[in-house]
Amino acid sequence: MANNLTDLTQAEKRILTLISHNKTSRQIGDELNLSIRTVQNHRSNICSKLDISGMNSLLEFALKNRDSLS
């Protein structure tokens, strides 16, 4: 897994931070006033940029790297 958070946009970092707080796509969308589809697109882009496969892996990555996201 690549750990290159610098490749992420500010929006992607904000979403990854919320994922690290165990928020669902719906909760993230409500909090950031985004559609659930937009959040899912961001999640997909994050996975691609970080070479992560699967949403559970994304959550694990977010939890492990929570301090780096602040």
PDB file of N, CA and C in Angstrom:
ATOM      1  N   MET A   1       0.823  -1.181   0.000  1.00  0.00           N
ATOM      2  CA  MET A   1       0.000   0.000   0.000  1.00  0.00           C
ATOM      3  C   MET A   1       0.869   1.247   0.000  1.00  0.00           C
ATOM      4  N   ALA A   2       0.644   2.109  -0.900  1.00  0.00           N
ATOM      5  CA  ALA A   2       1.373   3.364  -0.912  1.00  0.00           C
ATOM      6  C   ALA A   2       0.811   4.265   0.178  1.00  0.00           C
ATOM      7  N   ASN A   3       1.680   4.996   0.824  1.00  0.00           N
ATOM      8  CA  ASN A   3       1.226   5.896   1.883  1.00  0.00           C
ATOM      9  C   ASN A   3       1.601   7.311   1.500  1.00  0.00           C
ATOM     10  N   ASN A   4       1.118   7.773   0.360  1.00  0.00           N
ATOM     11  CA  ASN A   4       1.476   9.089  -0.116  1.00  0.00           C
ATOM     12  C   ASN A   4       0.278  10.022  -0.004  1.00  0.00           C
ATOM     13  N   LEU A   5       0.065  10.540   1.188  1.00  0.00           N
ATOM     14  CA  LEU A   5      -1.076  11.413   1.431  1.00  0.00           C
ATOM     15  C   LEU A   5      -0.955  12.728   0.678  1.00  0.00           C
ATOM     16  N   THR A   6       0.250  13.082   0.243  1.00  0.00           N
ATOM     17  CA  THR A   6       0.434  14.341  -0.472  1.00  0.00           C
ATOM     18  C   THR A   6      -0.240  14.321  -1.842  1.00  0.00           C
ATOM     19  N   ASP A   7      -0.558  13.144  -2.359  1.00  0.00           N
ATOM     20  CA  ASP A   7      -1.252  13.044  -3.645  1.00  0.00           C
ATOM     21  C   ASP A   7      -2.739  13.370  -3.537  1.00  0.00           C
ATOM     22  N   LEU A   8      -3.250  13.421  -2.317  1.00  0.00           N
ATOM     23  CA  LEU A   8      -4.678  13.648  -2.123  1.00  0.00           C
ATOM     24  C   LEU A   8      -5.006  15.140  -2.160  1.00  0.00           C
ATOM     25  N   THR A   9      -6.185  15.457  -2.695  1.00  0.00           N
ATOM     26  CA  THR A   9      -6.678  16.835  -2.658  1.00  0.00           C
ATOM     27  C   THR A   9      -7.148  17.157  -1.251  1.00  0.00           C
ATOM     28  N   GLN A  10      -7.381  18.440  -0.987  1.00  0.00           N
ATOM     29  CA  GLN A  10      -7.882  18.843   0.331  1.00  0.00           C
ATOM     30  C   GLN A  10      -9.228  18.170   0.623  1.00  0.00           C
ATOM     31  N   ALA A  11     -10.087  18.091  -0.383  1.00  0.00           N
ATOM     32  CA  ALA A  11     -11.397  17.456  -0.196  1.00  0.00           C
ATOM     33  C   ALA A  11     -11.233  15.981   0.146  1.00  0.00           C
ATOM     34  N   GLU A  12     -10.312  15.304  -0.530  1.00  0.00           N
ATOM     35  CA  GLU A  12     -10.077  13.885  -0.258  1.00  0.00           C
ATOM     36  C   GLU A  12      -9.511  13.683   1.140  1.00  0.00           C
ATOM     37  N   LYS A  13      -8.620  14.570   1.565  1.00  0.00           N
ATOM     38  CA  LYS A  13      -8.068  14.479   2.924  1.00  0.00           C
ATOM     39  C   LYS A  13      -9.163  14.694   3.965  1.00  0.00           C
ATOM     40  N   ARG A  14     -10.046  15.646   3.705  1.00  0.00           N
ATOM     41  CA  ARG A  14     -11.150  15.921   4.633  1.00  0.00           C
ATOM     42  C   ARG A  14     -12.058  14.688   4.739  1.00  0.00           C
ATOM     43  N   ILE A  15     -12.338  14.062   3.615  1.00  0.00           N
ATOM     44  CA  ILE A  15     -13.178  12.869   3.619  1.00  0.00           C
ATOM     45  C   ILE A  15     -12.463  11.715   4.304  1.00  0.00           C
ATOM     46  N   LEU A  16     -11.173  11.544   4.043  1.00  0.00           N
ATOM     47  CA  LEU A  16     -10.406  10.486   4.700  1.00  0.00           C
ATOM     48  C   LEU A  16     -10.368  10.701   6.212  1.00  0.00           C
ATOM     49  N   THR A  17     -10.275  11.938   6.644  1.00  0.00           N
ATOM     50  CA  THR A  17     -10.318  12.242   8.079  1.00  0.00           C
ATOM     51  C   THR A  17     -11.661  11.813   8.673  1.00  0.00           C
ATOM     52  N   LEU A  18     -12.748  12.106   7.973  1.00  0.00           N
ATOM     53  CA  LEU A  18     -14.068  11.711   8.473  1.00  0.00           C
ATOM     54  C   LEU A  18     -14.228  10.201   8.456  1.00  0.00           C
ATOM     55  N   ILE A  19     -13.645   9.536   7.467  1.00  0.00           N
ATOM     56  CA  ILE A  19     -13.654   8.068   7.433  1.00  0.00           C
ATOM     57  C   ILE A  19     -12.926   7.531   8.660  1.00  0.00           C
ATOM     58  N   SER A  20     -11.823   8.201   9.031  1.00  0.00           N
ATOM     59  CA  SER A  20     -11.057   7.752  10.199  1.00  0.00           C
ATOM     60  C   SER A  20     -11.848   7.891  11.495  1.00  0.00           C
ATOM     61  N   HIS A  21     -12.906   8.692  11.463  1.00  0.00           N
ATOM     62  CA  HIS A  21     -13.805   8.813  12.613  1.00  0.00           C
ATOM     63  C   HIS A  21     -15.018   7.898  12.453  1.00  0.00           C
ATOM     64  N   ASN A  22     -14.861   6.915  11.562  1.00  0.00           N
ATOM     65  CA  ASN A  22     -15.849   5.853  11.355  1.00  0.00           C
ATOM     66  C   ASN A  22     -17.196   6.381  10.851  1.00  0.00           C
ATOM     67  N   LYS A  23     -17.157   7.422  10.039  1.00  0.00           N
ATOM     68  CA  LYS A  23     -18.387   7.975   9.465  1.00  0.00           C
ATOM     69  C   LYS A  23     -18.705   7.273   8.147  1.00  0.00           C
ATOM     70  N   THR A  24     -19.983   7.096   7.892  1.00  0.00           N
ATOM     71  CA  THR A  24     -20.438   6.493   6.644  1.00  0.00           C
ATOM     72  C   THR A  24     -20.442   7.547   5.534  1.00  0.00           C
ATOM     73  N   SER A  25     -20.570   7.091   4.304  1.00  0.00           N
ATOM     74  CA  SER A  25     -20.649   8.030   3.180  1.00  0.00           C
ATOM     75  C   SER A  25     -21.834   8.965   3.348  1.00  0.00           C
ATOM     76  N   ARG A  26     -22.942   8.446   3.823  1.00  0.00           N
ATOM     77  CA  ARG A  26     -24.129   9.287   4.033  1.00  0.00           C
ATOM     78  C   ARG A  26     -23.862  10.352   5.098  1.00  0.00           C
ATOM     79  N   GLN A  27     -23.228   9.964   6.200  1.00  0.00           N
ATOM     80  CA  GLN A  27     -22.916  10.919   7.268  1.00  0.00           C
ATOM     81  C   GLN A  27     -21.926  11.981   6.777  1.00  0.00           C
ATOM     82  N   ILE A  28     -20.938  11.546   6.006  1.00  0.00           N
ATOM     83  CA  ILE A  28     -19.955  12.486   5.456  1.00  0.00           C
ATOM     84  C   ILE A  28     -20.644  13.458   4.505  1.00  0.00           C
ATOM     85  N   GLY A  29     -21.504  12.941   3.647  1.00  0.00           N
ATOM     86  CA  GLY A  29     -22.246  13.792   2.720  1.00  0.00           C
ATOM     87  C   GLY A  29     -23.097  14.814   3.445  1.00  0.00           C
ATOM     88  N   ASP A  30     -23.784  14.380   4.487  1.00  0.00           N
ATOM     89  CA  ASP A  30     -24.613  15.300   5.271  1.00  0.00           C
ATOM     90  C   ASP A  30     -23.757  16.376   5.929  1.00  0.00           C
ATOM     91  N   GLU A  31     -22.621  15.969   6.488  1.00  0.00           N
ATOM     92  CA  GLU A  31     -21.755  16.906   7.197  1.00  0.00           C
ATOM     93  C   GLU A  31     -21.117  17.930   6.258  1.00  0.00           C
ATOM     94  N   LEU A  32     -20.741  17.490   5.058  1.00  0.00           N
ATOM     95  CA  LEU A  32     -20.055  18.376   4.109  1.00  0.00           C
ATOM     96  C   LEU A  32     -20.988  18.942   3.041  1.00  0.00           C
ATOM     97  N   ASN A  33     -22.269  18.632   3.156  1.00  0.00           N
ATOM     98  CA  ASN A  33     -23.270  19.091   2.196  1.00  0.00           C
ATOM     99  C   ASN A  33     -22.936  18.619   0.772  1.00  0.00           C
ATOM    100  N   LEU A  34     -22.604  17.324   0.673  1.00  0.00           N
ATOM    101  CA  LEU A  34     -22.295  16.685  -0.605  1.00  0.00           C
ATOM    102  C   LEU A  34     -23.265  15.535  -0.833  1.00  0.00           C
ATOM    103  N   SER A  35     -23.465  15.188  -2.098  1.00  0.00           N
ATOM    104  CA  SER A  35     -24.293  14.014  -2.382  1.00  0.00           C
ATOM    105  C   SER A  35     -23.514  12.760  -2.000  1.00  0.00           C
ATOM    106  N   ILE A  36     -24.234  11.706  -1.710  1.00  0.00           N
ATOM    107  CA  ILE A  36     -23.578  10.442  -1.363  1.00  0.00           C
ATOM    108  C   ILE A  36     -22.727   9.960  -2.528  1.00  0.00           C
ATOM    109  N   ARG A  37     -23.161  10.214  -3.748  1.00  0.00           N
ATOM    110  CA  ARG A  37     -22.407   9.812  -4.941  1.00  0.00           C
ATOM    111  C   ARG A  37     -21.061  10.546  -5.014  1.00  0.00           C
ATOM    112  N   THR A  38     -21.063  11.828  -4.676  1.00  0.00           N
ATOM    113  CA  THR A  38     -19.810  12.598  -4.668  1.00  0.00           C
ATOM    114  C   THR A  38     -18.847  12.029  -3.631  1.00  0.00           C
ATOM    115  N   VAL A  39     -19.358  11.697  -2.458  1.00  0.00           N
ATOM    116  CA  VAL A  39     -18.517  11.110  -1.414  1.00  0.00           C
ATOM    117  C   VAL A  39     -17.958   9.769  -1.895  1.00  0.00           C
ATOM    118  N   GLN A  40     -18.791   8.965  -2.512  1.00  0.00           N
ATOM    119  CA  GLN A  40     -18.331   7.670  -3.018  1.00  0.00           C
ATOM    120  C   GLN A  40     -17.268   7.841  -4.102  1.00  0.00           C
ATOM    121  N   ASN A  41     -17.412   8.855  -4.937  1.00  0.00           N
ATOM    122  CA  ASN A  41     -16.393   9.140  -5.948  1.00  0.00           C
ATOM    123  C   ASN A  41     -15.071   9.520  -5.294  1.00  0.00           C
ATOM    124  N   HIS A  42     -15.142  10.357  -4.259  1.00  0.00           N
ATOM    125  CA  HIS A  42     -13.932  10.728  -3.524  1.00  0.00           C
ATOM    126  C   HIS A  42     -13.289   9.493  -2.892  1.00  0.00           C
ATOM    127  N   ARG A  43     -14.101   8.640  -2.295  1.00  0.00           N
ATOM    128  CA  ARG A  43     -13.576   7.419  -1.674  1.00  0.00           C
ATOM    129  C   ARG A  43     -12.864   6.555  -2.713  1.00  0.00           C
ATOM    130  N   SER A  44     -13.458   6.439  -3.881  1.00  0.00           N
ATOM    131  CA  SER A  44     -12.864   5.656  -4.958  1.00  0.00           C
ATOM    132  C   SER A  44     -11.539   6.270  -5.420  1.00  0.00           C
ATOM    133  N   ASN A  45     -11.512   7.592  -5.556  1.00  0.00           N
ATOM    134  CA  ASN A  45     -10.285   8.276  -5.965  1.00  0.00           C
ATOM    135  C   ASN A  45      -9.187   8.106  -4.912  1.00  0.00           C
ATOM    136  N   ILE A  46      -9.552   8.178  -3.643  1.00  0.00           N
ATOM    137  CA  ILE A  46      -8.587   7.983  -2.561  1.00  0.00           C
ATOM    138  C   ILE A  46      -7.988   6.583  -2.668  1.00  0.00           C
ATOM    139  N   CYS A  47      -8.839   5.592  -2.855  1.00  0.00           N
ATOM    140  CA  CYS A  47      -8.365   4.211  -2.979  1.00  0.00           C
ATOM    141  C   CYS A  47      -7.402   4.070  -4.148  1.00  0.00           C
ATOM    142  N   SER A  48      -7.727   4.684  -5.273  1.00  0.00           N
ATOM    143  CA  SER A  48      -6.850   4.604  -6.443  1.00  0.00           C
ATOM    144  C   SER A  48      -5.499   5.257  -6.169  1.00  0.00           C
ATOM    145  N   LYS A  49      -5.527   6.445  -5.594  1.00  0.00           N
ATOM    146  CA  LYS A  49      -4.287   7.180  -5.346  1.00  0.00           C
ATOM    147  C   LYS A  49      -3.395   6.495  -4.317  1.00  0.00           C
ATOM    148  N   LEU A  50      -4.011   5.825  -3.350  1.00  0.00           N
ATOM    149  CA  LEU A  50      -3.240   5.179  -2.285  1.00  0.00           C
ATOM    150  C   LEU A  50      -3.036   3.688  -2.539  1.00  0.00           C
ATOM    151  N   ASP A  51      -3.507   3.214  -3.687  1.00  0.00           N
ATOM    152  CA  ASP A  51      -3.381   1.804  -4.060  1.00  0.00           C
ATOM    153  C   ASP A  51      -4.008   0.896  -3.007  1.00  0.00           C
ATOM    154  N   ILE A  52      -5.245   1.245  -2.642  1.00  0.00           N
ATOM    155  CA  ILE A  52      -6.011   0.483  -1.647  1.00  0.00           C
ATOM    156  C   ILE A  52      -7.166  -0.190  -2.365  1.00  0.00           C
ATOM    157  N   SER A  53      -7.416  -1.433  -2.008  1.00  0.00           N
ATOM    158  CA  SER A  53      -8.507  -2.173  -2.620  1.00  0.00           C
ATOM    159  C   SER A  53      -9.551  -2.504  -1.565  1.00  0.00           C
ATOM    160  N   GLY A  54     -10.747  -1.956  -1.720  1.00  0.00           N
ATOM    161  CA  GLY A  54     -11.854  -2.278  -0.820  1.00  0.00           C
ATOM    162  C   GLY A  54     -12.081  -1.230   0.251  1.00  0.00           C
ATOM    163  N   MET A  55     -13.346  -1.065   0.603  1.00  0.00           N
ATOM    164  CA  MET A  55     -13.714  -0.043   1.580  1.00  0.00           C
ATOM    165  C   MET A  55     -13.238  -0.384   2.990  1.00  0.00           C
ATOM    166  N   ASN A  56     -13.216  -1.672   3.332  1.00  0.00           N
ATOM    167  CA  ASN A  56     -12.697  -2.032   4.656  1.00  0.00           C
ATOM    168  C   ASN A  56     -11.224  -1.677   4.760  1.00  0.00           C
ATOM    169  N   SER A  57     -10.488  -1.888   3.691  1.00  0.00           N
ATOM    170  CA  SER A  57      -9.070  -1.527   3.678  1.00  0.00           C
ATOM    171  C   SER A  57      -8.891  -0.017   3.798  1.00  0.00           C
ATOM    172  N   LEU A  58      -9.808   0.733   3.189  1.00  0.00           N
ATOM    173  CA  LEU A  58      -9.755   2.192   3.288  1.00  0.00           C
ATOM    174  C   LEU A  58      -9.979   2.623   4.737  1.00  0.00           C
ATOM    175  N   LEU A  59     -10.935   2.030   5.402  1.00  0.00           N
ATOM    176  CA  LEU A  59     -11.191   2.341   6.807  1.00  0.00           C
ATOM    177  C   LEU A  59      -9.974   1.991   7.659  1.00  0.00           C
ATOM    178  N   GLU A  60      -9.395   0.831   7.441  1.00  0.00           N
ATOM    179  CA  GLU A  60      -8.197   0.429   8.188  1.00  0.00           C
ATOM    180  C   GLU A  60      -7.069   1.431   7.976  1.00  0.00           C
ATOM    181  N   PHE A  61      -6.849   1.833   6.719  1.00  0.00           N
ATOM    182  CA  PHE A  61      -5.806   2.808   6.411  1.00  0.00           C
ATOM    183  C   PHE A  61      -6.087   4.124   7.138  1.00  0.00           C
ATOM    184  N   ALA A  62      -7.336   4.589   7.072  1.00  0.00           N
ATOM    185  CA  ALA A  62      -7.701   5.861   7.702  1.00  0.00           C
ATOM    186  C   ALA A  62      -7.465   5.797   9.205  1.00  0.00           C
ATOM    187  N   LEU A  63      -7.835   4.700   9.830  1.00  0.00           N
ATOM    188  CA  LEU A  63      -7.642   4.559  11.269  1.00  0.00           C
ATOM    189  C   LEU A  63      -6.154   4.559  11.647  1.00  0.00           C
ATOM    190  N   LYS A  64      -5.353   3.831  10.867  1.00  0.00           N
ATOM    191  CA  LYS A  64      -3.906   3.735  11.150  1.00  0.00           C
ATOM    192  C   LYS A  64      -3.199   5.073  10.951  1.00  0.00           C
ATOM    193  N   ASN A  65      -3.723   5.884  10.032  1.00  0.00           N
ATOM    194  CA  ASN A  65      -3.051   7.135   9.670  1.00  0.00           C
ATOM    195  C   ASN A  65      -3.789   8.372  10.145  1.00  0.00           C
ATOM    196  N   ARG A  66      -4.678   8.220  11.104  1.00  0.00           N
ATOM    197  CA  ARG A  66      -5.495   9.350  11.575  1.00  0.00           C
ATOM    198  C   ARG A  66      -4.648  10.535  11.994  1.00  0.00           C
ATOM    199  N   ASP A  67      -3.547  10.297  12.714  1.00  0.00           N
ATOM    200  CA  ASP A  67      -2.707  11.393  13.182  1.00  0.00           C
ATOM    201  C   ASP A  67      -2.047  12.163  12.041  1.00  0.00           C
ATOM    202  N   SER A  68      -1.767  11.480  10.947  1.00  0.00           N
ATOM    203  CA  SER A  68      -1.127  12.131   9.795  1.00  0.00           C
ATOM    204  C   SER A  68      -2.104  12.997   9.011  1.00  0.00           C
ATOM    205  N   LEU A  69      -3.382  12.818   9.238  1.00  0.00           N
ATOM    206  CA  LEU A  69      -4.402  13.529   8.477  1.00  0.00           C
ATOM    207  C   LEU A  69      -4.718  14.899   9.060  1.00  0.00           C
ATOM    208  N   SER A  70      -4.401  15.108  10.314  1.00  0.00           N
ATOM    209  CA  SER A  70      -4.751  16.362  10.997  1.00  0.00           C
ATOM    210  C   SER A  70      -3.964  17.539  10.492  1.00  0.00           C
TER     211      SER A  70
END
